[in-house]
Amino acid sequence: MSYICPLCNGLVVPEQACPHCLQGLSECGKLDDYTGPYSPYSLQTSSSMAEEDGNENGCIHMMYCHHCQTSTLWAVAQWDMSGNL
């Protein structure tokens, strides 16, 4: 099966609210971009985080709130594109 992340491919615009102050969050890219395969600071991989959330076809993105200066992770469900190829 072929899956794509709609956020990585610019197919959707993230409109998430900060869980702390309810202001808008800015999307900062995939978590894998920050914790690459050789990162010494990686506590767990994004694929294991997606499986814990019940979404084995998920893409974990880093979201940042400029108002309260906190970051949060957001699991984005990937779209199945196998029938559209």
PDB file of N, CA and C in Angstrom:
ATOM      1  N   MET A   1       0.835  -1.176   0.000  1.00  0.00           N
ATOM      2  CA  MET A   1       0.000   0.000   0.000  1.00  0.00           C
ATOM      3  C   MET A   1       0.884   1.245   0.000  1.00  0.00           C
ATOM      4  N   SER A   2       0.363   2.287  -0.566  1.00  0.00           N
ATOM      5  CA  SER A   2       1.091   3.534  -0.673  1.00  0.00           C
ATOM      6  C   SER A   2       0.369   4.603   0.150  1.00  0.00           C
ATOM      7  N   TYR A   3       1.075   5.177   1.104  1.00  0.00           N
ATOM      8  CA  TYR A   3       0.502   6.199   1.967  1.00  0.00           C
ATOM      9  C   TYR A   3       1.276   7.500   1.816  1.00  0.00           C
ATOM     10  N   ILE A   4       0.564   8.629   1.903  1.00  0.00           N
ATOM     11  CA  ILE A   4       1.211   9.935   1.928  1.00  0.00           C
ATOM     12  C   ILE A   4       0.667  10.740   3.100  1.00  0.00           C
ATOM     13  N   CYS A   5       1.487  11.615   3.622  1.00  0.00           N
ATOM     14  CA  CYS A   5       1.047  12.511   4.689  1.00  0.00           C
ATOM     15  C   CYS A   5       0.479  13.766   4.032  1.00  0.00           C
ATOM     16  N   PRO A   6      -0.790  14.093   4.288  1.00  0.00           N
ATOM     17  CA  PRO A   6      -1.375  15.285   3.658  1.00  0.00           C
ATOM     18  C   PRO A   6      -0.714  16.581   4.132  1.00  0.00           C
ATOM     19  N   LEU A   7      -0.178  16.600   5.339  1.00  0.00           N
ATOM     20  CA  LEU A   7       0.477  17.802   5.844  1.00  0.00           C
ATOM     21  C   LEU A   7       1.856  17.983   5.210  1.00  0.00           C
ATOM     22  N   CYS A   8       2.627  16.909   5.089  1.00  0.00           N
ATOM     23  CA  CYS A   8       3.945  16.978   4.448  1.00  0.00           C
ATOM     24  C   CYS A   8       3.832  17.398   2.986  1.00  0.00           C
ATOM     25  N   ASN A   9       2.752  16.997   2.328  1.00  0.00           N
ATOM     26  CA  ASN A   9       2.576  17.274   0.907  1.00  0.00           C
ATOM     27  C   ASN A   9       1.757  18.527   0.633  1.00  0.00           C
ATOM     28  N   GLY A  10       1.436  19.294   1.669  1.00  0.00           N
ATOM     29  CA  GLY A  10       0.732  20.562   1.503  1.00  0.00           C
ATOM     30  C   GLY A  10      -0.708  20.420   1.050  1.00  0.00           C
ATOM     31  N   LEU A  11      -1.336  19.289   1.341  1.00  0.00           N
ATOM     32  CA  LEU A  11      -2.723  19.071   0.929  1.00  0.00           C
ATOM     33  C   LEU A  11      -3.730  19.587   1.955  1.00  0.00           C
ATOM     34  N   VAL A  12      -3.281  19.795   3.186  1.00  0.00           N
ATOM     35  CA  VAL A  12      -4.129  20.353   4.232  1.00  0.00           C
ATOM     36  C   VAL A  12      -3.351  21.447   4.957  1.00  0.00           C
ATOM     37  N   VAL A  13      -4.081  22.363   5.576  1.00  0.00           N
ATOM     38  CA  VAL A  13      -3.480  23.431   6.368  1.00  0.00           C
ATOM     39  C   VAL A  13      -3.754  23.110   7.834  1.00  0.00           C
ATOM     40  N   PRO A  14      -2.707  23.041   8.664  1.00  0.00           N
ATOM     41  CA  PRO A  14      -2.944  22.721  10.077  1.00  0.00           C
ATOM     42  C   PRO A  14      -3.636  23.876  10.797  1.00  0.00           C
ATOM     43  N   GLU A  15      -4.710  23.570  11.465  1.00  0.00           N
ATOM     44  CA  GLU A  15      -5.442  24.567  12.246  1.00  0.00           C
ATOM     45  C   GLU A  15      -5.677  24.003  13.638  1.00  0.00           C
ATOM     46  N   GLN A  16      -4.580  23.792  14.347  1.00  0.00           N
ATOM     47  CA  GLN A  16      -4.653  23.241  15.692  1.00  0.00           C
ATOM     48  C   GLN A  16      -4.481  24.355  16.718  1.00  0.00           C
ATOM     49  N   ALA A  17      -5.145  24.207  17.853  1.00  0.00           N
ATOM     50  CA  ALA A  17      -5.017  25.159  18.956  1.00  0.00           C
ATOM     51  C   ALA A  17      -4.052  24.599  19.992  1.00  0.00           C
ATOM     52  N   CYS A  18      -3.300  25.474  20.602  1.00  0.00           N
ATOM     53  CA  CYS A  18      -2.369  25.086  21.663  1.00  0.00           C
ATOM     54  C   CYS A  18      -3.160  24.511  22.836  1.00  0.00           C
ATOM     55  N   PRO A  19      -2.748  23.360  23.366  1.00  0.00           N
ATOM     56  CA  PRO A  19      -3.472  22.789  24.503  1.00  0.00           C
ATOM     57  C   PRO A  19      -3.317  23.595  25.792  1.00  0.00           C
ATOM     58  N   HIS A  20      -2.325  24.504  25.835  1.00  0.00           N
ATOM     59  CA  HIS A  20      -2.074  25.290  27.043  1.00  0.00           C
ATOM     60  C   HIS A  20      -2.811  26.629  27.028  1.00  0.00           C
ATOM     61  N   CYS A  21      -2.726  27.362  25.893  1.00  0.00           N
ATOM     62  CA  CYS A  21      -3.295  28.711  25.865  1.00  0.00           C
ATOM     63  C   CYS A  21      -4.367  28.900  24.786  1.00  0.00           C
ATOM     64  N   LEU A  22      -4.626  27.874  23.981  1.00  0.00           N
ATOM     65  CA  LEU A  22      -5.643  27.856  22.934  1.00  0.00           C
ATOM     66  C   LEU A  22      -5.370  28.817  21.769  1.00  0.00           C
ATOM     67  N   GLN A  23      -4.146  29.312  21.655  1.00  0.00           N
ATOM     68  CA  GLN A  23      -3.742  30.114  20.508  1.00  0.00           C
ATOM     69  C   GLN A  23      -3.390  29.169  19.356  1.00  0.00           C
ATOM     70  N   GLY A  24      -3.248  29.711  18.153  1.00  0.00           N
ATOM     71  CA  GLY A  24      -2.913  28.892  16.997  1.00  0.00           C
ATOM     72  C   GLY A  24      -1.494  28.362  17.056  1.00  0.00           C
ATOM     73  N   LEU A  25      -1.305  27.137  16.572  1.00  0.00           N
ATOM     74  CA  LEU A  25       0.005  26.504  16.530  1.00  0.00           C
ATOM     75  C   LEU A  25       0.607  26.631  15.140  1.00  0.00           C
ATOM     76  N   SER A  26       1.922  26.724  15.084  1.00  0.00           N
ATOM     77  CA  SER A  26       2.653  26.732  13.813  1.00  0.00           C
ATOM     78  C   SER A  26       3.237  25.346  13.582  1.00  0.00           C
ATOM     79  N   GLU A  27       3.139  24.862  12.363  1.00  0.00           N
ATOM     80  CA  GLU A  27       3.683  23.562  12.009  1.00  0.00           C
ATOM     81  C   GLU A  27       5.169  23.725  11.710  1.00  0.00           C
ATOM     82  N   CYS A  28       6.003  22.890  12.335  1.00  0.00           N
ATOM     83  CA  CYS A  28       7.461  23.018  12.212  1.00  0.00           C
ATOM     84  C   CYS A  28       8.110  21.828  11.516  1.00  0.00           C
ATOM     85  N   GLY A  29       7.340  20.947  10.914  1.00  0.00           N
ATOM     86  CA  GLY A  29       7.911  19.816  10.184  1.00  0.00           C
ATOM     87  C   GLY A  29       7.745  18.502  10.926  1.00  0.00           C
ATOM     88  N   LYS A  30       8.217  17.456  10.275  1.00  0.00           N
ATOM     89  CA  LYS A  30       8.121  16.108  10.840  1.00  0.00           C
ATOM     90  C   LYS A  30       9.073  15.948  12.014  1.00  0.00           C
ATOM     91  N   LEU A  31       8.664  15.141  12.985  1.00  0.00           N
ATOM     92  CA  LEU A  31       9.521  14.849  14.122  1.00  0.00           C
ATOM     93  C   LEU A  31      10.797  14.157  13.661  1.00  0.00           C
ATOM     94  N   ASP A  32      10.708  13.324  12.635  1.00  0.00           N
ATOM     95  CA  ASP A  32      11.885  12.625  12.122  1.00  0.00           C
ATOM     96  C   ASP A  32      12.949  13.594  11.610  1.00  0.00           C
ATOM     97  N   ASP A  33      12.541  14.781  11.177  1.00  0.00           N
ATOM     98  CA  ASP A  33      13.510  15.781  10.731  1.00  0.00           C
ATOM     99  C   ASP A  33      14.356  16.284  11.897  1.00  0.00           C
ATOM    100  N   TYR A  34      13.814  16.242  13.099  1.00  0.00           N
ATOM    101  CA  TYR A  34      14.531  16.702  14.286  1.00  0.00           C
ATOM    102  C   TYR A  34      15.303  15.585  14.968  1.00  0.00           C
ATOM    103  N   THR A  35      14.799  14.375  14.861  1.00  0.00           N
ATOM    104  CA  THR A  35      15.405  13.239  15.563  1.00  0.00           C
ATOM    105  C   THR A  35      15.875  12.188  14.574  1.00  0.00           C
ATOM    106  N   GLY A  36      16.587  12.568  13.562  1.00  0.00           N
ATOM    107  CA  GLY A  36      17.044  11.665  12.513  1.00  0.00           C
ATOM    108  C   GLY A  36      17.546  10.330  13.027  1.00  0.00           C
ATOM    109  N   PRO A  37      17.947   9.459  12.134  1.00  0.00           N
ATOM    110  CA  PRO A  37      18.313   8.102  12.530  1.00  0.00           C
ATOM    111  C   PRO A  37      19.533   8.032  13.445  1.00  0.00           C
ATOM    112  N   TYR A  38      20.340   9.074  13.505  1.00  0.00           N
ATOM    113  CA  TYR A  38      21.549   9.048  14.333  1.00  0.00           C
ATOM    114  C   TYR A  38      21.478  10.002  15.522  1.00  0.00           C
ATOM    115  N   SER A  39      20.289  10.461  15.854  1.00  0.00           N
ATOM    116  CA  SER A  39      20.135  11.420  16.940  1.00  0.00           C
ATOM    117  C   SER A  39      20.360  10.751  18.297  1.00  0.00           C
ATOM    118  N   PRO A  40      21.262  11.306  19.123  1.00  0.00           N
ATOM    119  CA  PRO A  40      21.480  10.725  20.451  1.00  0.00           C
ATOM    120  C   PRO A  40      20.377  11.086  21.443  1.00  0.00           C
ATOM    121  N   TYR A  41      19.495  12.022  21.058  1.00  0.00           N
ATOM    122  CA  TYR A  41      18.470  12.498  21.981  1.00  0.00           C
ATOM    123  C   TYR A  41      17.107  11.875  21.745  1.00  0.00           C
ATOM    124  N   SER A  42      17.001  10.960  20.829  1.00  0.00           N
ATOM    125  CA  SER A  42      15.721  10.353  20.498  1.00  0.00           C
ATOM    126  C   SER A  42      15.306   9.376  21.594  1.00  0.00           C
ATOM    127  N   LEU A  43      14.166   9.651  22.239  1.00  0.00           N
ATOM    128  CA  LEU A  43      13.663   8.760  23.268  1.00  0.00           C
ATOM    129  C   LEU A  43      12.878   7.605  22.681  1.00  0.00           C
ATOM    130  N   GLN A  44      12.118   7.871  21.630  1.00  0.00           N
ATOM    131  CA  GLN A  44      11.394   6.843  20.917  1.00  0.00           C
ATOM    132  C   GLN A  44      11.164   7.336  19.501  1.00  0.00           C
ATOM    133  N   THR A  45      11.011   6.381  18.589  1.00  0.00           N
ATOM    134  CA  THR A  45      10.854   6.766  17.199  1.00  0.00           C
ATOM    135  C   THR A  45       9.433   7.203  16.936  1.00  0.00           C
ATOM    136  N   SER A  46       9.245   7.988  15.896  1.00  0.00           N
ATOM    137  CA  SER A  46       7.906   8.476  15.577  1.00  0.00           C
ATOM    138  C   SER A  46       6.986   7.336  15.160  1.00  0.00           C
ATOM    139  N   SER A  47       7.546   6.280  14.566  1.00  0.00           N
ATOM    140  CA  SER A  47       6.689   5.174  14.152  1.00  0.00           C
ATOM    141  C   SER A  47       6.112   4.456  15.372  1.00  0.00           C
ATOM    142  N   SER A  48       6.901   4.334  16.453  1.00  0.00           N
ATOM    143  CA  SER A  48       6.358   3.697  17.652  1.00  0.00           C
ATOM    144  C   SER A  48       5.332   4.595  18.326  1.00  0.00           C
ATOM    145  N   MET A  49       5.506   5.932  18.226  1.00  0.00           N
ATOM    146  CA  MET A  49       4.517   6.853  18.780  1.00  0.00           C
ATOM    147  C   MET A  49       3.209   6.753  18.010  1.00  0.00           C
ATOM    148  N   ALA A  50       3.279   6.599  16.704  1.00  0.00           N
ATOM    149  CA  ALA A  50       2.072   6.483  15.902  1.00  0.00           C
ATOM    150  C   ALA A  50       1.329   5.195  16.238  1.00  0.00           C
ATOM    151  N   GLU A  51       2.079   4.112  16.492  1.00  0.00           N
ATOM    152  CA  GLU A  51       1.444   2.852  16.840  1.00  0.00           C
ATOM    153  C   GLU A  51       0.765   2.948  18.203  1.00  0.00           C
ATOM    154  N   GLU A  52       1.378   3.679  19.153  1.00  0.00           N
ATOM    155  CA  GLU A  52       0.766   3.850  20.467  1.00  0.00           C
ATOM    156  C   GLU A  52      -0.533   4.628  20.372  1.00  0.00           C
ATOM    157  N   ASP A  53      -0.610   5.562  19.431  1.00  0.00           N
ATOM    158  CA  ASP A  53      -1.824   6.353  19.238  1.00  0.00           C
ATOM    159  C   ASP A  53      -2.886   5.574  18.473  1.00  0.00           C
ATOM    160  N   GLY A  54      -2.592   4.326  18.087  1.00  0.00           N
ATOM    161  CA  GLY A  54      -3.543   3.525  17.339  1.00  0.00           C
ATOM    162  C   GLY A  54      -3.546   3.851  15.862  1.00  0.00           C
ATOM    163  N   ASN A  55      -2.524   4.535  15.394  1.00  0.00           N
ATOM    164  CA  ASN A  55      -2.452   4.933  13.993  1.00  0.00           C
ATOM    165  C   ASN A  55      -1.131   4.476  13.419  1.00  0.00           C
ATOM    166  N   GLU A  56      -1.095   3.243  12.895  1.00  0.00           N
ATOM    167  CA  GLU A  56       0.167   2.729  12.367  1.00  0.00           C
ATOM    168  C   GLU A  56       0.588   3.423  11.081  1.00  0.00           C
ATOM    169  N   ASN A  57      -0.322   4.142  10.445  1.00  0.00           N
ATOM    170  CA  ASN A  57      -0.002   4.892   9.229  1.00  0.00           C
ATOM    171  C   ASN A  57       0.038   6.380   9.523  1.00  0.00           C
ATOM    172  N   GLY A  58       0.643   6.758  10.648  1.00  0.00           N
ATOM    173  CA  GLY A  58       0.678   8.152  11.053  1.00  0.00           C
ATOM    174  C   GLY A  58       2.011   8.812  10.780  1.00  0.00           C
ATOM    175  N   CYS A  59       1.975  10.113  10.731  1.00  0.00           N
ATOM    176  CA  CYS A  59       3.163  10.941  10.548  1.00  0.00           C
ATOM    177  C   CYS A  59       3.155  11.947  11.691  1.00  0.00           C
ATOM    178  N   ILE A  60       4.180  11.946  12.530  1.00  0.00           N
ATOM    179  CA  ILE A  60       4.225  12.797  13.705  1.00  0.00           C
ATOM    180  C   ILE A  60       4.871  14.131  13.337  1.00  0.00           C
ATOM    181  N   HIS A  61       4.177  15.224  13.615  1.00  0.00           N
ATOM    182  CA  HIS A  61       4.671  16.566  13.307  1.00  0.00           C
ATOM    183  C   HIS A  61       4.879  17.366  14.585  1.00  0.00           C
ATOM    184  N   MET A  62       5.889  18.231  14.555  1.00  0.00           N
ATOM    185  CA  MET A  62       6.178  19.131  15.661  1.00  0.00           C
ATOM    186  C   MET A  62       5.377  20.411  15.445  1.00  0.00           C
ATOM    187  N   MET A  63       4.627  20.816  16.462  1.00  0.00           N
ATOM    188  CA  MET A  63       3.832  22.040  16.414  1.00  0.00           C
ATOM    189  C   MET A  63       4.361  22.970  17.507  1.00  0.00           C
ATOM    190  N   TYR A  64       4.400  24.286  17.211  1.00  0.00           N
ATOM    191  CA  TYR A  64       4.967  25.248  18.149  1.00  0.00           C
ATOM    192  C   TYR A  64       4.000  26.411  18.381  1.00  0.00           C
ATOM    193  N   CYS A  65       3.873  26.807  19.645  1.00  0.00           N
ATOM    194  CA  CYS A  65       3.028  27.949  20.005  1.00  0.00           C
ATOM    195  C   CYS A  65       3.935  29.144  20.291  1.00  0.00           C
ATOM    196  N   HIS A  66       3.795  30.194  19.495  1.00  0.00           N
ATOM    197  CA  HIS A  66       4.600  31.391  19.686  1.00  0.00           C
ATOM    198  C   HIS A  66       4.127  32.203  20.900  1.00  0.00           C
ATOM    199  N   HIS A  67       2.887  32.001  21.296  1.00  0.00           N
ATOM    200  CA  HIS A  67       2.333  32.763  22.414  1.00  0.00           C
ATOM    201  C   HIS A  67       2.908  32.293  23.753  1.00  0.00           C
ATOM    202  N   CYS A  68       2.829  30.992  24.028  1.00  0.00           N
ATOM    203  CA  CYS A  68       3.341  30.480  25.307  1.00  0.00           C
ATOM    204  C   CYS A  68       4.676  29.754  25.155  1.00  0.00           C
ATOM    205  N   GLN A  69       5.220  29.724  23.951  1.00  0.00           N
ATOM    206  CA  GLN A  69       6.532  29.159  23.637  1.00  0.00           C
ATOM    207  C   GLN A  69       6.674  27.707  24.069  1.00  0.00           C
ATOM    208  N   THR A  70       5.668  26.912  23.725  1.00  0.00           N
ATOM    209  CA  THR A  70       5.713  25.480  23.992  1.00  0.00           C
ATOM    210  C   THR A  70       5.585  24.729  22.677  1.00  0.00           C
ATOM    211  N   SER A  71       6.084  23.519  22.673  1.00  0.00           N
ATOM    212  CA  SER A  71       5.940  22.679  21.488  1.00  0.00           C
ATOM    213  C   SER A  71       5.124  21.453  21.858  1.00  0.00           C
ATOM    214  N   THR A  72       4.467  20.911  20.878  1.00  0.00           N
ATOM    215  CA  THR A  72       3.630  19.743  21.079  1.00  0.00           C
ATOM    216  C   THR A  72       3.726  18.862  19.840  1.00  0.00           C
ATOM    217  N   LEU A  73       3.447  17.579  19.991  1.00  0.00           N
ATOM    218  CA  LEU A  73       3.469  16.647  18.869  1.00  0.00           C
ATOM    219  C   LEU A  73       2.054  16.399  18.392  1.00  0.00           C
ATOM    220  N   TRP A  74       1.902  16.254  17.083  1.00  0.00           N
ATOM    221  CA  TRP A  74       0.593  16.034  16.485  1.00  0.00           C
ATOM    222  C   TRP A  74       0.703  14.882  15.499  1.00  0.00           C
ATOM    223  N   ALA A  75      -0.080  13.831  15.723  1.00  0.00           N
ATOM    224  CA  ALA A  75      -0.102  12.673  14.826  1.00  0.00           C
ATOM    225  C   ALA A  75      -1.081  12.947  13.695  1.00  0.00           C
ATOM    226  N   VAL A  76      -0.579  12.924  12.467  1.00  0.00           N
ATOM    227  CA  VAL A  76      -1.394  13.176  11.284  1.00  0.00           C
ATOM    228  C   VAL A  76      -1.654  11.844  10.591  1.00  0.00           C
ATOM    229  N   ALA A  77      -2.924  11.521  10.364  1.00  0.00           N
ATOM    230  CA  ALA A  77      -3.269  10.282   9.680  1.00  0.00           C
ATOM    231  C   ALA A  77      -2.881  10.397   8.208  1.00  0.00           C
ATOM    232  N   GLN A  78      -2.156   9.394   7.723  1.00  0.00           N
ATOM    233  CA  GLN A  78      -1.747   9.394   6.328  1.00  0.00           C
ATOM    234  C   GLN A  78      -2.883   8.878   5.455  1.00  0.00           C
ATOM    235  N   TRP A  79      -2.909   9.337   4.210  1.00  0.00           N
ATOM    236  CA  TRP A  79      -3.939   8.943   3.269  1.00  0.00           C
ATOM    237  C   TRP A  79      -3.460   7.766   2.446  1.00  0.00           C
ATOM    238  N   ASP A  80      -4.344   6.797   2.232  1.00  0.00           N
ATOM    239  CA  ASP A  80      -4.042   5.625   1.400  1.00  0.00           C
ATOM    240  C   ASP A  80      -4.208   6.021  -0.057  1.00  0.00           C
ATOM    241  N   MET A  81      -3.119   5.994  -0.795  1.00  0.00           N
ATOM    242  CA  MET A  81      -3.135   6.378  -2.197  1.00  0.00           C
ATOM    243  C   MET A  81      -2.965   5.196  -3.140  1.00  0.00           C
ATOM    244  N   SER A  82      -3.054   3.967  -2.640  1.00  0.00           N
ATOM    245  CA  SER A  82      -2.799   2.792  -3.473  1.00  0.00           C
ATOM    246  C   SER A  82      -3.833   2.641  -4.583  1.00  0.00           C
ATOM    247  N   GLY A  83      -5.074   3.061  -4.358  1.00  0.00           N
ATOM    248  CA  GLY A  83      -6.098   2.942  -5.391  1.00  0.00           C
ATOM    249  C   GLY A  83      -6.050   4.067  -6.415  1.00  0.00           C
ATOM    250  N   ASN A  84      -5.283   5.112  -6.123  1.00  0.00           N
ATOM    251  CA  ASN A  84      -5.248   6.283  -7.003  1.00  0.00           C
ATOM    252  C   ASN A  84      -4.036   6.323  -7.904  1.00  0.00           C
ATOM    253  N   LEU A  85      -3.160   5.336  -7.824  1.00  0.00           N
ATOM    254  CA  LEU A  85      -1.948   5.368  -8.628  1.00  0.00           C
ATOM    255  C   LEU A  85      -2.135   4.728  -9.968  1.00  0.00           C
TER     256      LEU A  85
END
